[in-house]
């Protein structure tokens, strides 16, 4: 080996622990970026409203395939469902601006601030909710009377399914 070029075996032995730390840090950084991208992608898909077929015709779903409901007790652009109500009927919350997917009228899409400061999606002025017992792709609590009002799925034109 010529002088001044490369790393001597003794120097390489001393550098191995440092190189391992650098490599681990690089791998951890790449994994964190990938996880952040997956989370952002999941949040983006969930913040997109879509229209899908159901037993009640074509109604609103989130981008993850969960059915969305309106509560007839809510005044326009304001939710009155909190506490026990919000545990059974979780509000459809977003951290980014909601998007209109296939079949959704962007002009009817909006949001409102809840009393806790979080942003809830609205459609035709009605705050949207999930039902905690609905599996993905299914509507199980259409026209249920709970917490002083009816829970109804919504058509793409903004009308409630009665």
C-alpha atoms as a PDB file:
ATOM      1  CA  UNK A   1       0.000   0.000   0.000  1.00  0.00           C
ATOM      2  CA  UNK A   2       1.426   3.398  -0.879  1.00  0.00           C
ATOM      3  CA  UNK A   3       1.702   6.180   1.689  1.00  0.00           C
ATOM      4  CA  UNK A   4      -0.994   8.849   1.803  1.00  0.00           C
ATOM      5  CA  UNK A   5      -3.653   6.798   0.028  1.00  0.00           C
ATOM      6  CA  UNK A   6      -6.460   4.847   1.656  1.00  0.00           C
ATOM      7  CA  UNK A   7      -6.939   3.891   5.293  1.00  0.00           C
ATOM      8  CA  UNK A   8      -4.544   1.675   7.213  1.00  0.00           C
ATOM      9  CA  UNK A   9      -5.992  -1.459   8.848  1.00  0.00           C
ATOM     10  CA  UNK A  10      -5.420   0.052  12.313  1.00  0.00           C
ATOM     11  CA  UNK A  11      -7.247   3.272  11.361  1.00  0.00           C
ATOM     12  CA  UNK A  12     -10.128   1.274   9.826  1.00  0.00           C
ATOM     13  CA  UNK A  13     -10.539  -0.634  13.100  1.00  0.00           C
ATOM     14  CA  UNK A  14     -10.775   2.653  15.012  1.00  0.00           C
ATOM     15  CA  UNK A  15     -13.302   4.091  12.491  1.00  0.00           C
ATOM     16  CA  UNK A  16     -15.696   1.105  12.482  1.00  0.00           C
ATOM     17  CA  UNK A  17     -17.704   2.173  15.600  1.00  0.00           C
ATOM     18  CA  UNK A  18     -18.044   5.735  14.244  1.00  0.00           C
ATOM     19  CA  UNK A  19     -19.071   4.488  10.801  1.00  0.00           C
ATOM     20  CA  UNK A  20     -21.625   2.151  12.374  1.00  0.00           C
ATOM     21  CA  UNK A  21     -23.153   5.066  14.306  1.00  0.00           C
ATOM     22  CA  UNK A  22     -23.305   7.181  11.149  1.00  0.00           C
ATOM     23  CA  UNK A  23     -24.885   4.334   9.189  1.00  0.00           C
ATOM     24  CA  UNK A  24     -27.474   3.713  11.936  1.00  0.00           C
ATOM     25  CA  UNK A  25     -28.317   7.418  12.062  1.00  0.00           C
ATOM     26  CA  UNK A  26     -28.755   7.479   8.282  1.00  0.00           C
ATOM     27  CA  UNK A  27     -31.025   4.417   8.308  1.00  0.00           C
ATOM     28  CA  UNK A  28     -33.090   5.877  11.196  1.00  0.00           C
ATOM     29  CA  UNK A  29     -33.479   9.157   9.286  1.00  0.00           C
ATOM     30  CA  UNK A  30     -34.652   7.375   6.156  1.00  0.00           C
ATOM     31  CA  UNK A  31     -37.157   5.313   8.140  1.00  0.00           C
ATOM     32  CA  UNK A  32     -38.521   8.425   9.873  1.00  0.00           C
ATOM     33  CA  UNK A  33     -38.991  10.195   6.545  1.00  0.00           C
ATOM     34  CA  UNK A  34     -40.768   7.134   5.135  1.00  0.00           C
ATOM     35  CA  UNK A  35     -43.044   6.856   8.172  1.00  0.00           C
ATOM     36  CA  UNK A  36     -43.851  10.571   8.001  1.00  0.00           C
ATOM     37  CA  UNK A  37     -44.737  10.230   4.333  1.00  0.00           C
ATOM     38  CA  UNK A  38     -47.008   7.249   5.069  1.00  0.00           C
ATOM     39  CA  UNK A  39     -48.755   9.151   7.876  1.00  0.00           C
ATOM     40  CA  UNK A  40     -49.187  12.242   5.704  1.00  0.00           C
ATOM     41  CA  UNK A  41     -50.513  10.074   2.872  1.00  0.00           C
ATOM     42  CA  UNK A  42     -52.997   8.363   5.224  1.00  0.00           C
ATOM     43  CA  UNK A  43     -54.179  11.725   6.597  1.00  0.00           C
ATOM     44  CA  UNK A  44     -54.554  13.083   3.077  1.00  0.00           C
ATOM     45  CA  UNK A  45     -56.645  10.102   1.955  1.00  0.00           C
ATOM     46  CA  UNK A  46     -58.849  10.326   5.059  1.00  0.00           C
ATOM     47  CA  UNK A  47     -59.408  14.048   4.486  1.00  0.00           C
ATOM     48  CA  UNK A  48     -60.818  13.312   1.015  1.00  0.00           C
ATOM     49  CA  UNK A  49     -64.576  12.804   0.818  1.00  0.00           C
ATOM     50  CA  UNK A  50     -65.837  10.291  -1.716  1.00  0.00           C
ATOM     51  CA  UNK A  51     -69.208   8.952  -2.827  1.00  0.00           C
ATOM     52  CA  UNK A  52     -69.684   5.207  -2.669  1.00  0.00           C
ATOM     53  CA  UNK A  53     -72.555   2.785  -3.109  1.00  0.00           C
ATOM     54  CA  UNK A  54     -74.313   1.493  -0.009  1.00  0.00           C
ATOM     55  CA  UNK A  55     -77.607  -0.152   0.920  1.00  0.00           C
ATOM     56  CA  UNK A  56     -78.987   3.433   0.970  1.00  0.00           C
ATOM     57  CA  UNK A  57     -77.747   4.387  -2.478  1.00  0.00           C
ATOM     58  CA  UNK A  58     -74.676   6.505  -3.174  1.00  0.00           C
ATOM     59  CA  UNK A  59     -73.635   8.318   0.000  1.00  0.00           C
ATOM     60  CA  UNK A  60     -70.615  10.072   1.518  1.00  0.00           C
ATOM     61  CA  UNK A  61     -67.599   8.164   2.810  1.00  0.00           C
ATOM     62  CA  UNK A  62     -64.162   9.329   3.880  1.00  0.00           C
ATOM     63  CA  UNK A  63     -61.126   8.404   1.777  1.00  0.00           C
ATOM     64  CA  UNK A  64     -60.519   5.372   4.001  1.00  0.00           C
ATOM     65  CA  UNK A  65     -63.953   3.921   3.168  1.00  0.00           C
ATOM     66  CA  UNK A  66     -65.789   4.817   6.396  1.00  0.00           C
ATOM     67  CA  UNK A  67     -69.408   5.994   6.148  1.00  0.00           C
ATOM     68  CA  UNK A  68     -70.214   9.545   7.243  1.00  0.00           C
ATOM     69  CA  UNK A  69     -73.356  10.738   9.009  1.00  0.00           C
ATOM     70  CA  UNK A  70     -75.096  14.022   9.855  1.00  0.00           C
ATOM     71  CA  UNK A  71     -76.882  14.678  13.160  1.00  0.00           C
ATOM     72  CA  UNK A  72     -80.268  16.380  12.788  1.00  0.00           C
ATOM     73  CA  UNK A  73     -79.895  18.130  16.154  1.00  0.00           C
ATOM     74  CA  UNK A  74     -76.854  20.096  14.919  1.00  0.00           C
ATOM     75  CA  UNK A  75     -77.568  23.654  13.766  1.00  0.00           C
ATOM     76  CA  UNK A  76     -75.873  24.616  10.473  1.00  0.00           C
ATOM     77  CA  UNK A  77     -72.057  24.719  10.680  1.00  0.00           C
ATOM     78  CA  UNK A  78     -71.947  23.872  14.405  1.00  0.00           C
ATOM     79  CA  UNK A  79     -71.675  20.580  16.278  1.00  0.00           C
ATOM     80  CA  UNK A  80     -73.610  19.983  19.497  1.00  0.00           C
ATOM     81  CA  UNK A  81     -72.345  16.396  19.838  1.00  0.00           C
ATOM     82  CA  UNK A  82     -69.662  16.145  22.531  1.00  0.00           C
ATOM     83  CA  UNK A  83     -68.771  13.971  25.523  1.00  0.00           C
ATOM     84  CA  UNK A  84     -70.636  10.642  25.461  1.00  0.00           C
ATOM     85  CA  UNK A  85     -72.226  11.551  22.138  1.00  0.00           C
ATOM     86  CA  UNK A  86     -68.819  12.097  20.482  1.00  0.00           C
ATOM     87  CA  UNK A  87     -67.571   8.760  21.845  1.00  0.00           C
ATOM     88  CA  UNK A  88     -70.389   6.888  20.071  1.00  0.00           C
ATOM     89  CA  UNK A  89     -70.399   9.228  17.063  1.00  0.00           C
ATOM     90  CA  UNK A  90     -66.813  10.519  16.623  1.00  0.00           C
ATOM     91  CA  UNK A  91     -66.607  13.755  14.633  1.00  0.00           C
ATOM     92  CA  UNK A  92     -64.908  13.606  11.246  1.00  0.00           C
ATOM     93  CA  UNK A  93     -61.818  15.662  12.097  1.00  0.00           C
ATOM     94  CA  UNK A  94     -59.051  16.817   9.785  1.00  0.00           C
ATOM     95  CA  UNK A  95     -55.747  18.594  10.210  1.00  0.00           C
ATOM     96  CA  UNK A  96     -55.594  19.670   6.557  1.00  0.00           C
ATOM     97  CA  UNK A  97     -58.183  21.233   4.293  1.00  0.00           C
ATOM     98  CA  UNK A  98     -60.792  18.605   3.276  1.00  0.00           C
ATOM     99  CA  UNK A  99     -60.792  17.614  -0.392  1.00  0.00           C
ATOM    100  CA  UNK A 100     -63.607  16.654  -2.754  1.00  0.00           C
ATOM    101  CA  UNK A 101     -63.068  13.204  -4.234  1.00  0.00           C
ATOM    102  CA  UNK A 102     -65.033  11.352  -6.877  1.00  0.00           C
ATOM    103  CA  UNK A 103     -68.701  12.365  -6.935  1.00  0.00           C
ATOM    104  CA  UNK A 104     -68.396  14.996  -4.186  1.00  0.00           C
ATOM    105  CA  UNK A 105     -69.456  18.594  -4.878  1.00  0.00           C
ATOM    106  CA  UNK A 106     -66.575  20.819  -3.783  1.00  0.00           C
ATOM    107  CA  UNK A 107     -68.995  23.737  -3.358  1.00  0.00           C
ATOM    108  CA  UNK A 108     -70.768  21.843  -0.526  1.00  0.00           C
ATOM    109  CA  UNK A 109     -67.564  20.889   1.291  1.00  0.00           C
ATOM    110  CA  UNK A 110     -66.420  22.946   4.275  1.00  0.00           C
ATOM    111  CA  UNK A 111     -65.346  22.815   7.897  1.00  0.00           C
ATOM    112  CA  UNK A 112     -66.196  24.194  11.311  1.00  0.00           C
ATOM    113  CA  UNK A 113     -64.256  24.678  14.534  1.00  0.00           C
ATOM    114  CA  UNK A 114     -65.400  22.534  17.447  1.00  0.00           C
ATOM    115  CA  UNK A 115     -65.484  23.879  21.009  1.00  0.00           C
ATOM    116  CA  UNK A 116     -62.088  22.208  21.622  1.00  0.00           C
ATOM    117  CA  UNK A 117     -60.554  24.047  18.644  1.00  0.00           C
ATOM    118  CA  UNK A 118     -60.273  21.013  16.347  1.00  0.00           C
ATOM    119  CA  UNK A 119     -61.543  21.183  12.760  1.00  0.00           C
ATOM    120  CA  UNK A 120     -64.582  19.114  11.792  1.00  0.00           C
ATOM    121  CA  UNK A 121     -65.588  18.561   8.162  1.00  0.00           C
ATOM    122  CA  UNK A 122     -69.010  19.793   7.026  1.00  0.00           C
ATOM    123  CA  UNK A 123     -71.037  19.004   3.929  1.00  0.00           C
ATOM    124  CA  UNK A 124     -73.836  21.311   2.859  1.00  0.00           C
ATOM    125  CA  UNK A 125     -73.282  23.035   6.208  1.00  0.00           C
ATOM    126  CA  UNK A 126     -73.784  19.868   8.267  1.00  0.00           C
ATOM    127  CA  UNK A 127     -70.977  18.621  10.555  1.00  0.00           C
ATOM    128  CA  UNK A 128     -69.993  15.040   9.676  1.00  0.00           C
ATOM    129  CA  UNK A 129     -69.498  12.058  11.997  1.00  0.00           C
ATOM    130  CA  UNK A 130     -68.612   8.387  12.001  1.00  0.00           C
ATOM    131  CA  UNK A 131     -70.456   5.702  13.922  1.00  0.00           C
ATOM    132  CA  UNK A 132     -68.000   3.870  16.181  1.00  0.00           C
ATOM    133  CA  UNK A 133     -69.498   0.450  15.305  1.00  0.00           C
ATOM    134  CA  UNK A 134     -69.379   0.761  11.509  1.00  0.00           C
ATOM    135  CA  UNK A 135     -66.806  -1.427   9.783  1.00  0.00           C
ATOM    136  CA  UNK A 136     -65.086   0.015   6.707  1.00  0.00           C
ATOM    137  CA  UNK A 137     -67.457   0.133   3.742  1.00  0.00           C
ATOM    138  CA  UNK A 138     -70.658  -0.422   5.725  1.00  0.00           C
ATOM    139  CA  UNK A 139     -73.537   1.701   7.032  1.00  0.00           C
ATOM    140  CA  UNK A 140     -75.005   0.163  10.180  1.00  0.00           C
ATOM    141  CA  UNK A 141     -76.716   3.055  11.964  1.00  0.00           C
ATOM    142  CA  UNK A 142     -78.799   4.847   9.360  1.00  0.00           C
ATOM    143  CA  UNK A 143     -81.832   6.631  10.825  1.00  0.00           C
ATOM    144  CA  UNK A 144     -80.916   5.875  14.434  1.00  0.00           C
ATOM    145  CA  UNK A 145     -82.432   8.157  17.067  1.00  0.00           C
ATOM    146  CA  UNK A 146     -79.828   8.953  19.735  1.00  0.00           C
ATOM    147  CA  UNK A 147     -78.760  11.989  21.775  1.00  0.00           C
ATOM    148  CA  UNK A 148     -81.881  13.927  20.828  1.00  0.00           C
ATOM    149  CA  UNK A 149     -81.723  13.661  17.054  1.00  0.00           C
ATOM    150  CA  UNK A 150     -81.501  11.333  14.065  1.00  0.00           C
ATOM    151  CA  UNK A 151     -78.255  10.117  12.520  1.00  0.00           C
ATOM    152  CA  UNK A 152     -78.536  10.020   8.734  1.00  0.00           C
ATOM    153  CA  UNK A 153     -76.175   9.337   5.839  1.00  0.00           C
ATOM    154  CA  UNK A 154     -75.844  12.017   3.164  1.00  0.00           C
ATOM    155  CA  UNK A 155     -76.129  11.978  -0.611  1.00  0.00           C
ATOM    156  CA  UNK A 156     -73.674  13.772  -2.910  1.00  0.00           C
ATOM    157  CA  UNK A 157     -76.255  16.542  -3.473  1.00  0.00           C
ATOM    158  CA  UNK A 158     -76.129  17.313   0.279  1.00  0.00           C
ATOM    159  CA  UNK A 159     -79.556  15.875   1.102  1.00  0.00           C
ATOM    160  CA  UNK A 160     -80.010  13.570   4.055  1.00  0.00           C
ATOM    161  CA  UNK A 161     -81.244  10.034   3.386  1.00  0.00           C
ATOM    162  CA  UNK A 162     -84.485   9.578   5.345  1.00  0.00           C
END
